[in-house]
Amino acid sequence: MKNKVNKDSYRKTLFQGIKDFEEIEKELLEEGSNMHLFINTASGEVKIFMVTLLLYLNGKNPYYPQEFHEDFFNSQLQLMHRTCLASLHIAVQASLNEFIKSRNLTIEISLAKQIDKIVKNIREKLLGNSLIEKELREIEHLGGNHPQFQDYLNTVLSNIIVYEDLETDKKYKEATRAYFDALSIVRNKVSHYTNEPLSENEKERLKRGHFGKMVDENGYLQMDIRFYKLIFGDIIKFLNFLKD
């Protein structure tokens, strides 16, 4: 069967992507903060994957078959999306934690707070009945003490003022939360083996976070190598706000 992959197009895209990420790494290293260095690690992984894919397309990797196999190329492409977006997500969380530590802030764990509120309401309605107290304590324990990504982000956004105008500052923070919510959808989608169409809720959240271009005409997520530069650029801008 004839290959459907446009190898020439991918060669150009990957070559340009490698050049782009050389500039991104240079910018991150010049910024020099620990927050930026975490992102630089994720940036390096993207470039490594792009180089590996380009070598395969050109038949230059001695450890891969010289004959091109479309299925293998596509699987490596999906591996890049899955690995690099997960690494980027981890790097952003590490950067947020770095900011939190530098300001001696306390992370509020939203899930634990919600569970505490529910359990408190149940206790009040029980009017001193302790028959299920053991179970209530177990529910509280399920809340855990491990913050999630949103807890880091909300802690940072709650403790900074980006714009002096309060309304502009509020809109920026809402847009930032929407952006990272959309990015989490993309990361989760590319991490799953099955390719299911996006739900209406997911499509709306992607559009709200300015990731609408990733939704194709059939309602599926479409990941493109060229999106990497845009995503990393957005995150660098956000970190620059924090650094300044």
C-alpha atoms as a PDB file:
ATOM      1  CA  MET A   1       0.000   0.000   0.000  1.00  0.00           C
ATOM      2  CA  LYS A   2       1.294   3.450  -0.873  1.00  0.00           C
ATOM      3  CA  ASN A   3       2.390   5.583   2.068  1.00  0.00           C
ATOM      4  CA  LYS A   4       0.011   8.414   2.929  1.00  0.00           C
ATOM      5  CA  VAL A   5       2.620  10.321   4.933  1.00  0.00           C
ATOM      6  CA  ASN A   6       3.963  13.310   3.001  1.00  0.00           C
ATOM      7  CA  LYS A   7       7.616  12.819   3.860  1.00  0.00           C
ATOM      8  CA  ASP A   8       8.825  16.008   2.177  1.00  0.00           C
ATOM      9  CA  SER A   9       6.317  18.084   4.126  1.00  0.00           C
ATOM     10  CA  TYR A  10       7.321  16.449   7.402  1.00  0.00           C
ATOM     11  CA  ARG A  11      11.012  16.965   6.615  1.00  0.00           C
ATOM     12  CA  LYS A  12      10.450  20.701   6.180  1.00  0.00           C
ATOM     13  CA  THR A  13       8.283  20.938   9.301  1.00  0.00           C
ATOM     14  CA  LEU A  14      10.733  18.997  11.457  1.00  0.00           C
ATOM     15  CA  PHE A  15      13.756  20.888  10.170  1.00  0.00           C
ATOM     16  CA  GLN A  16      12.028  24.187  10.927  1.00  0.00           C
ATOM     17  CA  GLY A  17      10.907  22.858  14.304  1.00  0.00           C
ATOM     18  CA  ILE A  18      14.482  21.970  15.260  1.00  0.00           C
ATOM     19  CA  LYS A  19      15.624  25.484  14.339  1.00  0.00           C
ATOM     20  CA  ASP A  20      12.731  26.994  16.294  1.00  0.00           C
ATOM     21  CA  PHE A  21      13.603  25.020  19.398  1.00  0.00           C
ATOM     22  CA  GLU A  22      17.230  26.004  19.184  1.00  0.00           C
ATOM     23  CA  GLU A  23      15.982  29.586  19.506  1.00  0.00           C
ATOM     24  CA  ILE A  24      13.560  28.638  22.286  1.00  0.00           C
ATOM     25  CA  GLU A  25      16.342  26.954  24.275  1.00  0.00           C
ATOM     26  CA  LYS A  26      18.572  29.992  23.763  1.00  0.00           C
ATOM     27  CA  GLU A  27      15.817  32.286  25.060  1.00  0.00           C
ATOM     28  CA  LEU A  28      15.145  30.075  28.091  1.00  0.00           C
ATOM     29  CA  LEU A  29      18.834  29.896  29.003  1.00  0.00           C
ATOM     30  CA  GLU A  30      19.217  33.656  28.631  1.00  0.00           C
ATOM     31  CA  GLU A  31      16.310  34.235  31.016  1.00  0.00           C
ATOM     32  CA  GLY A  32      18.261  32.120  33.471  1.00  0.00           C
ATOM     33  CA  SER A  33      15.676  31.672  36.244  1.00  0.00           C
ATOM     34  CA  ASN A  34      15.083  28.207  37.701  1.00  0.00           C
ATOM     35  CA  MET A  35      11.525  28.400  36.373  1.00  0.00           C
ATOM     36  CA  HIS A  36      12.806  28.840  32.833  1.00  0.00           C
ATOM     37  CA  LEU A  37      15.381  26.075  33.252  1.00  0.00           C
ATOM     38  CA  PHE A  38      12.633  23.552  34.049  1.00  0.00           C
ATOM     39  CA  ILE A  39      10.946  24.454  30.761  1.00  0.00           C
ATOM     40  CA  ASN A  40      14.283  24.201  28.975  1.00  0.00           C
ATOM     41  CA  THR A  41      14.484  20.524  29.958  1.00  0.00           C
ATOM     42  CA  ALA A  42      11.122  19.881  28.283  1.00  0.00           C
ATOM     43  CA  SER A  43      12.234  21.940  25.280  1.00  0.00           C
ATOM     44  CA  GLY A  44      15.314  19.740  24.893  1.00  0.00           C
ATOM     45  CA  GLU A  45      13.143  16.626  24.815  1.00  0.00           C
ATOM     46  CA  VAL A  46      11.049  18.072  22.001  1.00  0.00           C
ATOM     47  CA  LYS A  47      14.154  18.796  19.939  1.00  0.00           C
ATOM     48  CA  ILE A  48      15.544  15.289  20.546  1.00  0.00           C
ATOM     49  CA  PHE A  49      12.326  13.733  19.279  1.00  0.00           C
ATOM     50  CA  MET A  50      12.265  15.986  16.225  1.00  0.00           C
ATOM     51  CA  VAL A  51      15.859  15.117  15.365  1.00  0.00           C
ATOM     52  CA  THR A  52      15.093  11.403  15.749  1.00  0.00           C
ATOM     53  CA  LEU A  53      12.058  11.632  13.469  1.00  0.00           C
ATOM     54  CA  LEU A  54      13.988  13.623  10.863  1.00  0.00           C
ATOM     55  CA  LEU A  55      16.829  11.096  10.873  1.00  0.00           C
ATOM     56  CA  TYR A  56      14.314   8.303  10.325  1.00  0.00           C
ATOM     57  CA  LEU A  57      12.653  10.136   7.431  1.00  0.00           C
ATOM     58  CA  ASN A  58      16.070  10.627   5.830  1.00  0.00           C
ATOM     59  CA  GLY A  59      17.124   7.013   6.421  1.00  0.00           C
ATOM     60  CA  LYS A  60      20.093   8.214   8.484  1.00  0.00           C
ATOM     61  CA  ASN A  61      19.473   6.363  11.745  1.00  0.00           C
ATOM     62  CA  PRO A  62      21.505   3.119  11.665  1.00  0.00           C
ATOM     63  CA  TYR A  63      19.400   1.605  14.440  1.00  0.00           C
ATOM     64  CA  TYR A  64      16.157   1.808  12.427  1.00  0.00           C
ATOM     65  CA  PRO A  65      15.301  -0.015   9.181  1.00  0.00           C
ATOM     66  CA  GLN A  66      16.297   2.030   6.162  1.00  0.00           C
ATOM     67  CA  GLU A  67      12.974   1.271   4.498  1.00  0.00           C
ATOM     68  CA  PHE A  68      10.278   3.741   5.527  1.00  0.00           C
ATOM     69  CA  HIS A  69       7.299   2.309   7.422  1.00  0.00           C
ATOM     70  CA  GLU A  70       4.336   4.613   7.822  1.00  0.00           C
ATOM     71  CA  ASP A  71       2.932   2.854  10.899  1.00  0.00           C
ATOM     72  CA  PHE A  72       6.273   3.110  12.688  1.00  0.00           C
ATOM     73  CA  PHE A  73       6.616   6.799  11.834  1.00  0.00           C
ATOM     74  CA  ASN A  74       3.092   7.551  13.062  1.00  0.00           C
ATOM     75  CA  SER A  75       3.674   5.638  16.304  1.00  0.00           C
ATOM     76  CA  GLN A  76       6.863   7.633  16.918  1.00  0.00           C
ATOM     77  CA  LEU A  77       4.995  10.840  16.173  1.00  0.00           C
ATOM     78  CA  GLN A  78       2.327   9.929  18.737  1.00  0.00           C
ATOM     79  CA  LEU A  79       5.048   8.996  21.223  1.00  0.00           C
ATOM     80  CA  MET A  80       6.544  12.462  20.791  1.00  0.00           C
ATOM     81  CA  HIS A  81       3.186  14.134  21.456  1.00  0.00           C
ATOM     82  CA  ARG A  82       2.495  11.919  24.469  1.00  0.00           C
ATOM     83  CA  THR A  83       5.944  12.232  26.042  1.00  0.00           C
ATOM     84  CA  CYS A  84       6.676  15.868  25.305  1.00  0.00           C
ATOM     85  CA  LEU A  85       3.327  17.254  26.446  1.00  0.00           C
ATOM     86  CA  ALA A  86       3.529  15.243  29.656  1.00  0.00           C
ATOM     87  CA  SER A  87       7.083  16.510  30.233  1.00  0.00           C
ATOM     88  CA  LEU A  88       6.000  20.079  29.558  1.00  0.00           C
ATOM     89  CA  HIS A  89       3.123  19.756  32.024  1.00  0.00           C
ATOM     90  CA  ILE A  90       5.521  18.461  34.696  1.00  0.00           C
ATOM     91  CA  ALA A  91       7.994  21.258  33.923  1.00  0.00           C
ATOM     92  CA  VAL A  92       5.316  23.953  34.260  1.00  0.00           C
ATOM     93  CA  GLN A  93       4.217  22.490  37.595  1.00  0.00           C
ATOM     94  CA  ALA A  94       7.839  22.472  38.771  1.00  0.00           C
ATOM     95  CA  SER A  95       8.181  26.114  37.674  1.00  0.00           C
ATOM     96  CA  LEU A  96       5.035  27.080  39.569  1.00  0.00           C
ATOM     97  CA  ASN A  97       6.338  25.282  42.652  1.00  0.00           C
ATOM     98  CA  GLU A  98       9.642  27.141  42.312  1.00  0.00           C
ATOM     99  CA  PHE A  99       7.760  30.447  42.362  1.00  0.00           C
ATOM    100  CA  ILE A 100       5.695  29.319  45.358  1.00  0.00           C
ATOM    101  CA  LYS A 101       8.806  28.343  47.328  1.00  0.00           C
ATOM    102  CA  SER A 102      10.556  31.618  46.463  1.00  0.00           C
ATOM    103  CA  ARG A 103       7.616  33.545  47.950  1.00  0.00           C
ATOM    104  CA  ASN A 104       7.113  31.199  50.936  1.00  0.00           C
ATOM    105  CA  LEU A 105       3.500  30.620  49.882  1.00  0.00           C
ATOM    106  CA  THR A 106       1.239  27.845  51.121  1.00  0.00           C
ATOM    107  CA  ILE A 107      -0.510  25.633  48.572  1.00  0.00           C
ATOM    108  CA  GLU A 108      -4.201  25.187  49.240  1.00  0.00           C
ATOM    109  CA  ILE A 109      -5.336  21.715  48.157  1.00  0.00           C
ATOM    110  CA  SER A 110      -8.754  22.273  46.600  1.00  0.00           C
ATOM    111  CA  LEU A 111      -9.894  18.629  46.694  1.00  0.00           C
ATOM    112  CA  ALA A 112      -9.139  18.303  50.407  1.00  0.00           C
ATOM    113  CA  LYS A 113     -10.924  21.590  51.064  1.00  0.00           C
ATOM    114  CA  GLN A 114     -14.034  20.427  49.193  1.00  0.00           C
ATOM    115  CA  ILE A 115     -14.097  17.102  51.050  1.00  0.00           C
ATOM    116  CA  ASP A 116     -13.678  18.845  54.408  1.00  0.00           C
ATOM    117  CA  LYS A 117     -16.641  21.062  53.606  1.00  0.00           C
ATOM    118  CA  ILE A 118     -18.858  18.110  52.617  1.00  0.00           C
ATOM    119  CA  VAL A 119     -17.893  16.078  55.696  1.00  0.00           C
ATOM    120  CA  LYS A 120     -18.524  19.091  57.947  1.00  0.00           C
ATOM    121  CA  ASN A 121     -22.028  19.493  56.502  1.00  0.00           C
ATOM    122  CA  ILE A 122     -22.734  15.792  57.059  1.00  0.00           C
ATOM    123  CA  ARG A 123     -21.581  15.996  60.689  1.00  0.00           C
ATOM    124  CA  GLU A 124     -23.845  18.975  61.311  1.00  0.00           C
ATOM    125  CA  LYS A 125     -26.847  17.106  59.916  1.00  0.00           C
ATOM    126  CA  LEU A 126     -26.087  14.029  62.012  1.00  0.00           C
ATOM    127  CA  LEU A 127     -26.517  16.094  65.197  1.00  0.00           C
ATOM    128  CA  GLY A 128     -23.843  14.254  67.154  1.00  0.00           C
ATOM    129  CA  ASN A 129     -24.573  10.768  65.793  1.00  0.00           C
ATOM    130  CA  SER A 130     -21.167   9.079  65.703  1.00  0.00           C
ATOM    131  CA  LEU A 131     -22.184   5.807  64.058  1.00  0.00           C
ATOM    132  CA  ILE A 132     -20.513   6.739  60.813  1.00  0.00           C
ATOM    133  CA  GLU A 133     -17.688   8.861  62.240  1.00  0.00           C
ATOM    134  CA  LYS A 134     -15.130   6.222  61.265  1.00  0.00           C
ATOM    135  CA  GLU A 135     -16.322   6.342  57.661  1.00  0.00           C
ATOM    136  CA  LEU A 136     -16.284  10.140  57.668  1.00  0.00           C
ATOM    137  CA  ARG A 137     -12.657  10.149  58.797  1.00  0.00           C
ATOM    138  CA  GLU A 138     -11.848   7.706  56.003  1.00  0.00           C
ATOM    139  CA  ILE A 139     -13.477  10.062  53.502  1.00  0.00           C
ATOM    140  CA  GLU A 140     -11.375  12.928  54.864  1.00  0.00           C
ATOM    141  CA  HIS A 141      -8.281  10.781  54.435  1.00  0.00           C
ATOM    142  CA  LEU A 142      -9.191  10.187  50.783  1.00  0.00           C
ATOM    143  CA  GLY A 143      -8.850  13.915  50.218  1.00  0.00           C
ATOM    144  CA  GLY A 144      -5.133  13.415  50.568  1.00  0.00           C
ATOM    145  CA  ASN A 145      -2.446  16.015  51.016  1.00  0.00           C
ATOM    146  CA  HIS A 146      -0.962  16.026  47.526  1.00  0.00           C
ATOM    147  CA  PRO A 147      -1.670  19.167  45.486  1.00  0.00           C
ATOM    148  CA  GLN A 148      -2.735  18.891  41.856  1.00  0.00           C
ATOM    149  CA  PHE A 149      -1.599  21.083  38.977  1.00  0.00           C
ATOM    150  CA  GLN A 150      -4.532  23.471  39.414  1.00  0.00           C
ATOM    151  CA  ASP A 151      -3.634  23.925  43.091  1.00  0.00           C
ATOM    152  CA  TYR A 152      -0.161  25.152  42.107  1.00  0.00           C
ATOM    153  CA  LEU A 153      -1.589  27.432  39.421  1.00  0.00           C
ATOM    154  CA  ASN A 154      -4.313  28.889  41.633  1.00  0.00           C
ATOM    155  CA  THR A 155      -1.829  29.521  44.438  1.00  0.00           C
ATOM    156  CA  VAL A 156       0.424  31.482  42.073  1.00  0.00           C
ATOM    157  CA  LEU A 157      -2.392  33.452  40.427  1.00  0.00           C
ATOM    158  CA  SER A 158      -3.929  34.305  43.803  1.00  0.00           C
ATOM    159  CA  ASN A 159      -0.669  35.843  44.962  1.00  0.00           C
ATOM    160  CA  ILE A 160       0.399  37.979  42.018  1.00  0.00           C
ATOM    161  CA  ILE A 161      -0.805  41.183  40.403  1.00  0.00           C
ATOM    162  CA  VAL A 162       0.014  41.227  36.703  1.00  0.00           C
ATOM    163  CA  TYR A 163      -1.927  44.372  35.762  1.00  0.00           C
ATOM    164  CA  GLU A 164      -2.622  47.400  37.937  1.00  0.00           C
ATOM    165  CA  ASP A 165      -6.123  47.641  36.514  1.00  0.00           C
ATOM    166  CA  LEU A 166      -8.108  45.093  38.554  1.00  0.00           C
ATOM    167  CA  GLU A 167     -10.541  44.209  35.762  1.00  0.00           C
ATOM    168  CA  THR A 168      -7.686  43.581  33.297  1.00  0.00           C
ATOM    169  CA  ASP A 169      -5.854  41.543  35.927  1.00  0.00           C
ATOM    170  CA  LYS A 170      -8.965  39.443  36.586  1.00  0.00           C
ATOM    171  CA  LYS A 171      -9.482  38.766  32.863  1.00  0.00           C
ATOM    172  CA  TYR A 172      -5.826  37.775  32.442  1.00  0.00           C
ATOM    173  CA  LYS A 173      -6.029  35.272  35.297  1.00  0.00           C
ATOM    174  CA  GLU A 174      -9.286  33.810  33.981  1.00  0.00           C
ATOM    175  CA  ALA A 175      -7.712  33.445  30.541  1.00  0.00           C
ATOM    176  CA  THR A 176      -4.605  31.819  32.079  1.00  0.00           C
ATOM    177  CA  ARG A 177      -6.711  29.269  33.951  1.00  0.00           C
ATOM    178  CA  ALA A 178      -8.670  28.535  30.770  1.00  0.00           C
ATOM    179  CA  TYR A 179      -5.421  28.144  28.802  1.00  0.00           C
ATOM    180  CA  PHE A 180      -3.913  25.573  31.144  1.00  0.00           C
ATOM    181  CA  ASP A 181      -7.254  23.764  31.430  1.00  0.00           C
ATOM    182  CA  ALA A 182      -7.276  23.414  27.624  1.00  0.00           C
ATOM    183  CA  LEU A 183      -3.646  22.281  27.618  1.00  0.00           C
ATOM    184  CA  SER A 184      -4.498  19.560  30.154  1.00  0.00           C
ATOM    185  CA  ILE A 185      -7.202  18.263  27.789  1.00  0.00           C
ATOM    186  CA  VAL A 186      -4.674  18.052  24.950  1.00  0.00           C
ATOM    187  CA  ARG A 187      -2.150  16.271  27.182  1.00  0.00           C
ATOM    188  CA  ASN A 188      -4.751  13.771  28.406  1.00  0.00           C
ATOM    189  CA  LYS A 189      -6.089  13.072  24.915  1.00  0.00           C
ATOM    190  CA  VAL A 190      -2.713  12.316  23.354  1.00  0.00           C
ATOM    191  CA  SER A 191      -1.863  10.096  26.353  1.00  0.00           C
ATOM    192  CA  HIS A 192      -4.662   7.611  25.627  1.00  0.00           C
ATOM    193  CA  TYR A 193      -4.441   4.768  23.159  1.00  0.00           C
ATOM    194  CA  THR A 194      -8.034   5.040  21.912  1.00  0.00           C
ATOM    195  CA  ASN A 195      -8.852   7.934  19.643  1.00  0.00           C
ATOM    196  CA  GLU A 196     -12.272   9.097  20.771  1.00  0.00           C
ATOM    197  CA  PRO A 197     -13.934  12.268  19.507  1.00  0.00           C
ATOM    198  CA  LEU A 198     -13.944  15.244  21.819  1.00  0.00           C
ATOM    199  CA  SER A 199     -17.025  15.803  23.949  1.00  0.00           C
ATOM    200  CA  GLU A 200     -18.925  19.068  23.568  1.00  0.00           C
ATOM    201  CA  ASN A 201     -17.585  20.143  26.953  1.00  0.00           C
ATOM    202  CA  GLU A 202     -13.994  19.445  25.865  1.00  0.00           C
ATOM    203  CA  LYS A 203     -14.442  21.324  22.597  1.00  0.00           C
ATOM    204  CA  GLU A 204     -15.831  24.326  24.432  1.00  0.00           C
ATOM    205  CA  ARG A 205     -12.973  24.311  26.943  1.00  0.00           C
ATOM    206  CA  LEU A 206     -10.410  24.060  24.142  1.00  0.00           C
ATOM    207  CA  LYS A 207     -11.947  27.042  22.376  1.00  0.00           C
ATOM    208  CA  ARG A 208     -12.110  29.006  25.624  1.00  0.00           C
ATOM    209  CA  GLY A 209      -8.404  28.324  26.167  1.00  0.00           C
ATOM    210  CA  HIS A 210      -7.537  29.382  22.577  1.00  0.00           C
ATOM    211  CA  PHE A 211      -6.850  25.819  21.406  1.00  0.00           C
ATOM    212  CA  GLY A 212      -9.797  25.773  19.006  1.00  0.00           C
ATOM    213  CA  LYS A 213      -7.536  25.137  15.998  1.00  0.00           C
ATOM    214  CA  MET A 214      -6.791  21.700  17.421  1.00  0.00           C
ATOM    215  CA  VAL A 215     -10.391  20.579  16.865  1.00  0.00           C
ATOM    216  CA  ASP A 216     -10.918  19.174  13.364  1.00  0.00           C
ATOM    217  CA  GLU A 217     -14.152  19.266  11.368  1.00  0.00           C
ATOM    218  CA  ASN A 218     -15.184  15.851  12.740  1.00  0.00           C
ATOM    219  CA  GLY A 219     -14.690  16.826  16.376  1.00  0.00           C
ATOM    220  CA  TYR A 220     -11.376  15.028  16.892  1.00  0.00           C
ATOM    221  CA  LEU A 221      -8.224  16.460  18.394  1.00  0.00           C
ATOM    222  CA  GLN A 222      -5.623  17.166  15.717  1.00  0.00           C
ATOM    223  CA  MET A 223      -2.081  17.570  16.983  1.00  0.00           C
ATOM    224  CA  ASP A 224       0.466  19.272  14.757  1.00  0.00           C
ATOM    225  CA  ILE A 225       4.217  19.624  15.252  1.00  0.00           C
ATOM    226  CA  ARG A 226       3.897  23.335  14.575  1.00  0.00           C
ATOM    227  CA  PHE A 227       1.750  23.780  17.682  1.00  0.00           C
ATOM    228  CA  TYR A 228       4.777  23.108  19.892  1.00  0.00           C
ATOM    229  CA  LYS A 229       6.421  26.449  19.167  1.00  0.00           C
ATOM    230  CA  LEU A 230       3.201  28.326  19.938  1.00  0.00           C
ATOM    231  CA  ILE A 231       2.611  26.464  23.205  1.00  0.00           C
ATOM    232  CA  PHE A 232       6.157  26.935  24.460  1.00  0.00           C
ATOM    233  CA  GLY A 233       6.005  30.602  23.464  1.00  0.00           C
ATOM    234  CA  ASP A 234       2.834  31.114  25.519  1.00  0.00           C
ATOM    235  CA  ILE A 235       4.359  29.458  28.564  1.00  0.00           C
ATOM    236  CA  ILE A 236       7.565  31.490  28.316  1.00  0.00           C
ATOM    237  CA  LYS A 237       5.482  34.695  28.257  1.00  0.00           C
ATOM    238  CA  PHE A 238       3.630  33.533  31.369  1.00  0.00           C
ATOM    239  CA  LEU A 239       6.876  32.748  33.198  1.00  0.00           C
ATOM    240  CA  ASN A 240       8.254  36.135  32.210  1.00  0.00           C
ATOM    241  CA  PHE A 241       5.286  37.751  33.976  1.00  0.00           C
ATOM    242  CA  LEU A 242       6.146  35.774  37.114  1.00  0.00           C
ATOM    243  CA  LYS A 243       9.855  36.541  36.870  1.00  0.00           C
ATOM    244  CA  ASP A 244       9.237  40.261  36.517  1.00  0.00           C
END
